Amino acid sequence: AALEELRARGFEICAAALGPDAVALDDFAPPRRVALAVGQESAGVSAATIAAADAVLRIPMAPGIDSLNVAVASAVCLHRLSRGERR
């Protein structure tokens, strides 16, 4: 319900997650208003949140690195989303 309320207020919902359909963060053009969903470190973002998201974003990482902790991942995503050009 919270995601739908944000969408109704003009936010595009982005989820930070790994997956075959995830867009590299560097290749994503941030929308004018964005809400970022991140998950807990062990389970990640829920399947329901990913399904409700407008975009799923992944942080490009070096081979052999499978994840970052949630605080670091959030900081990287928020930095990129807050400094990018808006559509």
PDB file of N, CA and C in Angstrom:
ATOM      1  N   ALA A   1       0.827  -1.200   0.000  1.00  0.00           N
ATOM      2  CA  ALA A   1       0.000   0.000   0.000  1.00  0.00           C
ATOM      3  C   ALA A   1       0.866   1.257   0.000  1.00  0.00           C
ATOM      4  N   ALA A   2       1.994   1.222   0.718  1.00  0.00           N
ATOM      5  CA  ALA A   2       2.868   2.393   0.779  1.00  0.00           C
ATOM      6  C   ALA A   2       3.458   2.706  -0.597  1.00  0.00           C
ATOM      7  N   LEU A   3       3.829   1.670  -1.346  1.00  0.00           N
ATOM      8  CA  LEU A   3       4.394   1.895  -2.681  1.00  0.00           C
ATOM      9  C   LEU A   3       3.356   2.521  -3.608  1.00  0.00           C
ATOM     10  N   GLU A   4       2.120   2.066  -3.519  1.00  0.00           N
ATOM     11  CA  GLU A   4       1.060   2.627  -4.352  1.00  0.00           C
ATOM     12  C   GLU A   4       0.763   4.076  -3.970  1.00  0.00           C
ATOM     13  N   GLU A   5       0.857   4.385  -2.692  1.00  0.00           N
ATOM     14  CA  GLU A   5       0.661   5.777  -2.263  1.00  0.00           C
ATOM     15  C   GLU A   5       1.771   6.667  -2.801  1.00  0.00           C
ATOM     16  N   LEU A   6       3.019   6.188  -2.749  1.00  0.00           N
ATOM     17  CA  LEU A   6       4.133   6.955  -3.316  1.00  0.00           C
ATOM     18  C   LEU A   6       3.936   7.158  -4.815  1.00  0.00           C
ATOM     19  N   ARG A   7       3.541   6.102  -5.517  1.00  0.00           N
ATOM     20  CA  ARG A   7       3.307   6.204  -6.962  1.00  0.00           C
ATOM     21  C   ARG A   7       2.203   7.223  -7.244  1.00  0.00           C
ATOM     22  N   ALA A   8       1.146   7.206  -6.460  1.00  0.00           N
ATOM     23  CA  ALA A   8       0.044   8.157  -6.641  1.00  0.00           C
ATOM     24  C   ALA A   8       0.499   9.595  -6.420  1.00  0.00           C
ATOM     25  N   ARG A   9       1.537   9.767  -5.645  1.00  0.00           N
ATOM     26  CA  ARG A   9       2.080  11.111  -5.381  1.00  0.00           C
ATOM     27  C   ARG A   9       3.166  11.496  -6.383  1.00  0.00           C
ATOM     28  N   GLY A  10       3.349  10.662  -7.404  1.00  0.00           N
ATOM     29  CA  GLY A  10       4.268  11.028  -8.479  1.00  0.00           C
ATOM     30  C   GLY A  10       5.665  10.450  -8.396  1.00  0.00           C
ATOM     31  N   PHE A  11       5.873   9.500  -7.501  1.00  0.00           N
ATOM     32  CA  PHE A  11       7.189   8.887  -7.387  1.00  0.00           C
ATOM     33  C   PHE A  11       7.284   7.662  -8.279  1.00  0.00           C
ATOM     34  N   GLU A  12       8.461   7.437  -8.869  1.00  0.00           N
ATOM     35  CA  GLU A  12       8.751   6.183  -9.561  1.00  0.00           C
ATOM     36  C   GLU A  12       9.452   5.287  -8.546  1.00  0.00           C
ATOM     37  N   ILE A  13       9.003   4.061  -8.428  1.00  0.00           N
ATOM     38  CA  ILE A  13       9.529   3.132  -7.434  1.00  0.00           C
ATOM     39  C   ILE A  13      10.680   2.329  -8.035  1.00  0.00           C
ATOM     40  N   CYS A  14      11.825   2.380  -7.382  1.00  0.00           N
ATOM     41  CA  CYS A  14      12.989   1.606  -7.799  1.00  0.00           C
ATOM     42  C   CYS A  14      13.374   0.669  -6.659  1.00  0.00           C
ATOM     43  N   ALA A  15      13.692  -0.563  -7.012  1.00  0.00           N
ATOM     44  CA  ALA A  15      14.145  -1.542  -6.024  1.00  0.00           C
ATOM     45  C   ALA A  15      15.603  -1.876  -6.324  1.00  0.00           C
ATOM     46  N   ALA A  16      16.411  -1.927  -5.299  1.00  0.00           N
ATOM     47  CA  ALA A  16      17.817  -2.313  -5.448  1.00  0.00           C
ATOM     48  C   ALA A  16      17.907  -3.815  -5.222  1.00  0.00           C
ATOM     49  N   ALA A  17      18.230  -4.550  -6.288  1.00  0.00           N
ATOM     50  CA  ALA A  17      18.262  -6.007  -6.181  1.00  0.00           C
ATOM     51  C   ALA A  17      19.093  -6.594  -7.311  1.00  0.00           C
ATOM     52  N   LEU A  18      19.556  -7.801  -7.086  1.00  0.00           N
ATOM     53  CA  LEU A  18      20.241  -8.537  -8.141  1.00  0.00           C
ATOM     54  C   LEU A  18      19.201  -9.323  -8.919  1.00  0.00           C
ATOM     55  N   GLY A  19      19.467  -9.569 -10.151  1.00  0.00           N
ATOM     56  CA  GLY A  19      18.536 -10.366 -10.943  1.00  0.00           C
ATOM     57  C   GLY A  19      18.791 -10.182 -12.415  1.00  0.00           C
ATOM     58  N   PRO A  20      18.300 -11.094 -13.213  1.00  0.00           N
ATOM     59  CA  PRO A  20      18.574 -11.045 -14.651  1.00  0.00           C
ATOM     60  C   PRO A  20      17.979  -9.829 -15.354  1.00  0.00           C
ATOM     61  N   ASP A  21      16.915  -9.255 -14.811  1.00  0.00           N
ATOM     62  CA  ASP A  21      16.275  -8.102 -15.443  1.00  0.00           C
ATOM     63  C   ASP A  21      16.686  -6.774 -14.823  1.00  0.00           C
ATOM     64  N   ALA A  22      17.583  -6.809 -13.848  1.00  0.00           N
ATOM     65  CA  ALA A  22      18.005  -5.577 -13.177  1.00  0.00           C
ATOM     66  C   ALA A  22      18.850  -4.720 -14.120  1.00  0.00           C
ATOM     67  N   VAL A  23      18.644  -3.426 -14.044  1.00  0.00           N
ATOM     68  CA  VAL A  23      19.372  -2.448 -14.853  1.00  0.00           C
ATOM     69  C   VAL A  23      20.583  -1.971 -14.054  1.00  0.00           C
ATOM     70  N   ALA A  24      21.723  -1.888 -14.709  1.00  0.00           N
ATOM     71  CA  ALA A  24      22.909  -1.347 -14.033  1.00  0.00           C
ATOM     72  C   ALA A  24      22.629   0.084 -13.596  1.00  0.00           C
ATOM     73  N   LEU A  25      22.963   0.404 -12.387  1.00  0.00           N
ATOM     74  CA  LEU A  25      22.708   1.726 -11.825  1.00  0.00           C
ATOM     75  C   LEU A  25      23.277   2.833 -12.713  1.00  0.00           C
ATOM     76  N   ASP A  26      24.441   2.607 -13.286  1.00  0.00           N
ATOM     77  CA  ASP A  26      25.076   3.613 -14.148  1.00  0.00           C
ATOM     78  C   ASP A  26      24.296   3.852 -15.443  1.00  0.00           C
ATOM     79  N   ASP A  27      23.479   2.888 -15.851  1.00  0.00           N
ATOM     80  CA  ASP A  27      22.722   3.001 -17.103  1.00  0.00           C
ATOM     81  C   ASP A  27      21.303   3.523 -16.899  1.00  0.00           C
ATOM     82  N   PHE A  28      20.931   3.793 -15.672  1.00  0.00           N
ATOM     83  CA  PHE A  28      19.571   4.211 -15.349  1.00  0.00           C
ATOM     84  C   PHE A  28      19.478   5.728 -15.302  1.00  0.00           C
ATOM     85  N   ALA A  29      18.508   6.277 -16.036  1.00  0.00           N
ATOM     86  CA  ALA A  29      18.262   7.724 -15.996  1.00  0.00           C
ATOM     87  C   ALA A  29      17.256   8.004 -14.883  1.00  0.00           C
ATOM     88  N   PRO A  30      17.694   8.628 -13.795  1.00  0.00           N
ATOM     89  CA  PRO A  30      16.791   8.850 -12.663  1.00  0.00           C
ATOM     90  C   PRO A  30      15.590   9.721 -13.046  1.00  0.00           C
ATOM     91  N   PRO A  31      14.404   9.313 -12.599  1.00  0.00           N
ATOM     92  CA  PRO A  31      13.223  10.140 -12.842  1.00  0.00           C
ATOM     93  C   PRO A  31      13.246  11.374 -11.938  1.00  0.00           C
ATOM     94  N   ARG A  32      12.329  12.277 -12.185  1.00  0.00           N
ATOM     95  CA  ARG A  32      12.266  13.512 -11.388  1.00  0.00           C
ATOM     96  C   ARG A  32      12.017  13.215  -9.917  1.00  0.00           C
ATOM     97  N   ARG A  33      11.127  12.258  -9.629  1.00  0.00           N
ATOM     98  CA  ARG A  33      10.832  11.870  -8.242  1.00  0.00           C
ATOM     99  C   ARG A  33      11.013  10.367  -8.137  1.00  0.00           C
ATOM    100  N   VAL A  34      11.872   9.943  -7.233  1.00  0.00           N
ATOM    101  CA  VAL A  34      12.178   8.516  -7.109  1.00  0.00           C
ATOM    102  C   VAL A  34      12.121   8.083  -5.649  1.00  0.00           C
ATOM    103  N   ALA A  35      11.579   6.893  -5.441  1.00  0.00           N
ATOM    104  CA  ALA A  35      11.591   6.246  -4.125  1.00  0.00           C
ATOM    105  C   ALA A  35      12.408   4.969  -4.281  1.00  0.00           C
ATOM    106  N   LEU A  36      13.310   4.717  -3.350  1.00  0.00           N
ATOM    107  CA  LEU A  36      14.193   3.555  -3.419  1.00  0.00           C
ATOM    108  C   LEU A  36      13.817   2.544  -2.353  1.00  0.00           C
ATOM    109  N   ALA A  37      13.594   1.308  -2.776  1.00  0.00           N
ATOM    110  CA  ALA A  37      13.324   0.210  -1.842  1.00  0.00           C
ATOM    111  C   ALA A  37      14.572  -0.656  -1.758  1.00  0.00           C
ATOM    112  N   VAL A  38      15.021  -0.905  -0.542  1.00  0.00           N
ATOM    113  CA  VAL A  38      16.151  -1.806  -0.302  1.00  0.00           C
ATOM    114  C   VAL A  38      15.696  -2.858   0.699  1.00  0.00           C
ATOM    115  N   GLY A  39      16.336  -4.008   0.652  1.00  0.00           N
ATOM    116  CA  GLY A  39      15.939  -5.092   1.541  1.00  0.00           C
ATOM    117  C   GLY A  39      16.983  -5.381   2.584  1.00  0.00           C
ATOM    118  N   GLN A  40      16.631  -6.265   3.484  1.00  0.00           N
ATOM    119  CA  GLN A  40      17.587  -6.665   4.516  1.00  0.00           C
ATOM    120  C   GLN A  40      18.731  -7.448   3.869  1.00  0.00           C
ATOM    121  N   GLU A  41      19.843  -7.509   4.558  1.00  0.00           N
ATOM    122  CA  GLU A  41      21.046  -8.076   3.972  1.00  0.00           C
ATOM    123  C   GLU A  41      20.935  -9.560   3.639  1.00  0.00           C
ATOM    124  N   SER A  42      20.210 -10.324   4.406  1.00  0.00           N
ATOM    125  CA  SER A  42      20.165 -11.764   4.136  1.00  0.00           C
ATOM    126  C   SER A  42      19.122 -12.141   3.089  1.00  0.00           C
ATOM    127  N   ALA A  43      17.976 -11.479   3.074  1.00  0.00           N
ATOM    128  CA  ALA A  43      16.897 -11.873   2.165  1.00  0.00           C
ATOM    129  C   ALA A  43      16.711 -10.926   0.982  1.00  0.00           C
ATOM    130  N   GLY A  44      17.201  -9.719   1.090  1.00  0.00           N
ATOM    131  CA  GLY A  44      17.032  -8.758   0.008  1.00  0.00           C
ATOM    132  C   GLY A  44      15.622  -8.197  -0.051  1.00  0.00           C
ATOM    133  N   VAL A  45      15.301  -7.599  -1.180  1.00  0.00           N
ATOM    134  CA  VAL A  45      13.990  -6.996  -1.400  1.00  0.00           C
ATOM    135  C   VAL A  45      12.987  -8.120  -1.660  1.00  0.00           C
ATOM    136  N   SER A  46      11.798  -7.996  -1.110  1.00  0.00           N
ATOM    137  CA  SER A  46      10.782  -9.044  -1.280  1.00  0.00           C
ATOM    138  C   SER A  46      10.350  -9.150  -2.741  1.00  0.00           C
ATOM    139  N   ALA A  47       9.874 -10.331  -3.113  1.00  0.00           N
ATOM    140  CA  ALA A  47       9.374 -10.552  -4.469  1.00  0.00           C
ATOM    141  C   ALA A  47       8.196  -9.625  -4.774  1.00  0.00           C
ATOM    142  N   ALA A  48       7.361  -9.357  -3.780  1.00  0.00           N
ATOM    143  CA  ALA A  48       6.216  -8.464  -3.974  1.00  0.00           C
ATOM    144  C   ALA A  48       6.678  -7.036  -4.279  1.00  0.00           C
ATOM    145  N   THR A  49       7.715  -6.583  -3.599  1.00  0.00           N
ATOM    146  CA  THR A  49       8.229  -5.234  -3.847  1.00  0.00           C
ATOM    147  C   THR A  49       8.866  -5.155  -5.226  1.00  0.00           C
ATOM    148  N   ILE A  50       9.616  -6.177  -5.605  1.00  0.00           N
ATOM    149  CA  ILE A  50      10.226  -6.190  -6.938  1.00  0.00           C
ATOM    150  C   ILE A  50       9.132  -6.163  -8.009  1.00  0.00           C
ATOM    151  N   ALA A  51       8.080  -6.937  -7.810  1.00  0.00           N
ATOM    152  CA  ALA A  51       6.986  -6.971  -8.779  1.00  0.00           C
ATOM    153  C   ALA A  51       6.275  -5.620  -8.876  1.00  0.00           C
ATOM    154  N   ALA A  52       6.220  -4.880  -7.781  1.00  0.00           N
ATOM    155  CA  ALA A  52       5.546  -3.588  -7.767  1.00  0.00           C
ATOM    156  C   ALA A  52       6.438  -2.443  -8.248  1.00  0.00           C
ATOM    157  N   ALA A  53       7.743  -2.689  -8.348  1.00  0.00           N
ATOM    158  CA  ALA A  53       8.688  -1.630  -8.714  1.00  0.00           C
ATOM    159  C   ALA A  53       8.587  -1.280 -10.195  1.00  0.00           C
ATOM    160  N   ASP A  54       8.850  -0.012 -10.484  1.00  0.00           N
ATOM    161  CA  ASP A  54       8.917   0.443 -11.873  1.00  0.00           C
ATOM    162  C   ASP A  54      10.250   0.056 -12.506  1.00  0.00           C
ATOM    163  N   ALA A  55      11.284  -0.056 -11.682  1.00  0.00           N
ATOM    164  CA  ALA A  55      12.610  -0.435 -12.165  1.00  0.00           C
ATOM    165  C   ALA A  55      13.333  -1.200 -11.059  1.00  0.00           C
ATOM    166  N   VAL A  56      14.122  -2.177 -11.464  1.00  0.00           N
ATOM    167  CA  VAL A  56      14.990  -2.915 -10.537  1.00  0.00           C
ATOM    168  C   VAL A  56      16.415  -2.546 -10.918  1.00  0.00           C
ATOM    169  N   LEU A  57      17.175  -2.065  -9.947  1.00  0.00           N
ATOM    170  CA  LEU A  57      18.524  -1.565 -10.191  1.00  0.00           C
ATOM    171  C   LEU A  57      19.560  -2.434  -9.499  1.00  0.00           C
ATOM    172  N   ARG A  58      20.696  -2.619 -10.155  1.00  0.00           N
ATOM    173  CA  ARG A  58      21.807  -3.338  -9.541  1.00  0.00           C
ATOM    174  C   ARG A  58      23.048  -2.468  -9.596  1.00  0.00           C
ATOM    175  N   ILE A  59      23.874  -2.611  -8.605  1.00  0.00           N
ATOM    176  CA  ILE A  59      25.144  -1.900  -8.559  1.00  0.00           C
ATOM    177  C   ILE A  59      26.184  -2.768  -9.253  1.00  0.00           C
ATOM    178  N   PRO A  60      26.811  -2.271 -10.317  1.00  0.00           N
ATOM    179  CA  PRO A  60      27.851  -3.059 -10.964  1.00  0.00           C
ATOM    180  C   PRO A  60      29.008  -3.303  -9.994  1.00  0.00           C
ATOM    181  N   MET A  61      29.470  -4.552  -9.930  1.00  0.00           N
ATOM    182  CA  MET A  61      30.549  -4.910  -9.009  1.00  0.00           C
ATOM    183  C   MET A  61      31.583  -5.766  -9.732  1.00  0.00           C
ATOM    184  N   ALA A  62      32.750  -5.819  -9.182  1.00  0.00           N
ATOM    185  CA  ALA A  62      33.830  -6.623  -9.745  1.00  0.00           C
ATOM    186  C   ALA A  62      33.480  -8.106  -9.680  1.00  0.00           C
ATOM    187  N   PRO A  63      33.994  -8.890 -10.619  1.00  0.00           N
ATOM    188  CA  PRO A  63      33.754 -10.340 -10.571  1.00  0.00           C
ATOM    189  C   PRO A  63      34.176 -10.912  -9.212  1.00  0.00           C
ATOM    190  N   GLY A  64      33.370 -11.817  -8.690  1.00  0.00           N
ATOM    191  CA  GLY A  64      33.665 -12.443  -7.409  1.00  0.00           C
ATOM    192  C   GLY A  64      33.047 -11.744  -6.214  1.00  0.00           C
ATOM    193  N   ILE A  65      32.555 -10.543  -6.415  1.00  0.00           N
ATOM    194  CA  ILE A  65      31.875  -9.813  -5.343  1.00  0.00           C
ATOM    195  C   ILE A  65      30.382  -9.992  -5.576  1.00  0.00           C
ATOM    196  N   ASP A  66      29.699 -10.625  -4.635  1.00  0.00           N
ATOM    197  CA  ASP A  66      28.289 -10.928  -4.878  1.00  0.00           C
ATOM    198  C   ASP A  66      27.320  -9.935  -4.255  1.00  0.00           C
ATOM    199  N   SER A  67      27.756  -9.169  -3.249  1.00  0.00           N
ATOM    200  CA  SER A  67      26.827  -8.219  -2.647  1.00  0.00           C
ATOM    201  C   SER A  67      27.565  -7.227  -1.763  1.00  0.00           C
ATOM    202  N   LEU A  68      26.846  -6.180  -1.396  1.00  0.00           N
ATOM    203  CA  LEU A  68      27.312  -5.168  -0.444  1.00  0.00           C
ATOM    204  C   LEU A  68      26.340  -5.188   0.728  1.00  0.00           C
ATOM    205  N   ASN A  69      26.768  -4.674   1.878  1.00  0.00           N
ATOM    206  CA  ASN A  69      25.779  -4.609   2.959  1.00  0.00           C
ATOM    207  C   ASN A  69      24.765  -3.520   2.633  1.00  0.00           C
ATOM    208  N   VAL A  70      23.618  -3.569   3.276  1.00  0.00           N
ATOM    209  CA  VAL A  70      22.503  -2.707   2.902  1.00  0.00           C
ATOM    210  C   VAL A  70      22.816  -1.223   3.083  1.00  0.00           C
ATOM    211  N   ALA A  71      23.602  -0.865   4.071  1.00  0.00           N
ATOM    212  CA  ALA A  71      23.942   0.549   4.268  1.00  0.00           C
ATOM    213  C   ALA A  71      24.787   1.072   3.119  1.00  0.00           C
ATOM    214  N   VAL A  72      25.768   0.292   2.710  1.00  0.00           N
ATOM    215  CA  VAL A  72      26.637   0.701   1.608  1.00  0.00           C
ATOM    216  C   VAL A  72      25.847   0.738   0.303  1.00  0.00           C
ATOM    217  N   ALA A  73      25.053  -0.293   0.039  1.00  0.00           N
ATOM    218  CA  ALA A  73      24.259  -0.337  -1.185  1.00  0.00           C
ATOM    219  C   ALA A  73      23.288   0.844  -1.245  1.00  0.00           C
ATOM    220  N   SER A  74      22.657   1.157  -0.127  1.00  0.00           N
ATOM    221  CA  SER A  74      21.733   2.300  -0.083  1.00  0.00           C
ATOM    222  C   SER A  74      22.464   3.594  -0.392  1.00  0.00           C
ATOM    223  N   ALA A  75      23.624   3.780   0.208  1.00  0.00           N
ATOM    224  CA  ALA A  75      24.396   5.001  -0.004  1.00  0.00           C
ATOM    225  C   ALA A  75      24.810   5.157  -1.464  1.00  0.00           C
ATOM    226  N   VAL A  76      25.276   4.075  -2.066  1.00  0.00           N
ATOM    227  CA  VAL A  76      25.683   4.123  -3.477  1.00  0.00           C
ATOM    228  C   VAL A  76      24.488   4.484  -4.352  1.00  0.00           C
ATOM    229  N   CYS A  77      23.369   3.820  -4.149  1.00  0.00           N
ATOM    230  CA  CYS A  77      22.168   4.093  -4.956  1.00  0.00           C
ATOM    231  C   CYS A  77      21.669   5.518  -4.754  1.00  0.00           C
ATOM    232  N   LEU A  78      21.572   5.950  -3.517  1.00  0.00           N
ATOM    233  CA  LEU A  78      21.067   7.300  -3.249  1.00  0.00           C
ATOM    234  C   LEU A  78      21.989   8.367  -3.818  1.00  0.00           C
ATOM    235  N   HIS A  79      23.284   8.140  -3.751  1.00  0.00           N
ATOM    236  CA  HIS A  79      24.233   9.097  -4.332  1.00  0.00           C
ATOM    237  C   HIS A  79      23.995   9.214  -5.836  1.00  0.00           C
ATOM    238  N   ARG A  80      23.898   8.087  -6.505  1.00  0.00           N
ATOM    239  CA  ARG A  80      23.690   8.090  -7.963  1.00  0.00           C
ATOM    240  C   ARG A  80      22.335   8.681  -8.323  1.00  0.00           C
ATOM    241  N   LEU A  81      21.304   8.303  -7.621  1.00  0.00           N
ATOM    242  CA  LEU A  81      19.959   8.791  -7.946  1.00  0.00           C
ATOM    243  C   LEU A  81      19.791  10.271  -7.633  1.00  0.00           C
ATOM    244  N   SER A  82      20.527  10.774  -6.671  1.00  0.00           N
ATOM    245  CA  SER A  82      20.368  12.186  -6.303  1.00  0.00           C
ATOM    246  C   SER A  82      21.224  13.118  -7.159  1.00  0.00           C
ATOM    247  N   ARG A  83      22.237  12.590  -7.844  1.00  0.00           N
ATOM    248  CA  ARG A  83      23.118  13.448  -8.643  1.00  0.00           C
ATOM    249  C   ARG A  83      22.921  13.290 -10.149  1.00  0.00           C
ATOM    250  N   GLY A  84      22.114  12.351 -10.551  1.00  0.00           N
ATOM    251  CA  GLY A  84      21.915  12.121 -11.969  1.00  0.00           C
ATOM    252  C   GLY A  84      21.016  13.158 -12.610  1.00  0.00           C
ATOM    253  N   GLU A  85      21.073  13.225 -13.925  1.00  0.00           N
ATOM    254  CA  GLU A  85      20.163  14.103 -14.646  1.00  0.00           C
ATOM    255  C   GLU A  85      18.754  13.550 -14.540  1.00  0.00           C
ATOM    256  N   ARG A  86      17.802  14.403 -14.361  1.00  0.00           N
ATOM    257  CA  ARG A  86      16.406  14.002 -14.223  1.00  0.00           C
ATOM    258  C   ARG A  86      15.751  13.993 -15.598  1.00  0.00           C
ATOM    259  N   ARG A  87      14.850  13.044 -15.796  1.00  0.00           N
ATOM    260  CA  ARG A  87      14.095  13.057 -17.048  1.00  0.00           C
ATOM    261  C   ARG A  87      12.886  13.946 -16.907  1.00  0.00           C
TER     262      ARG A  87
END
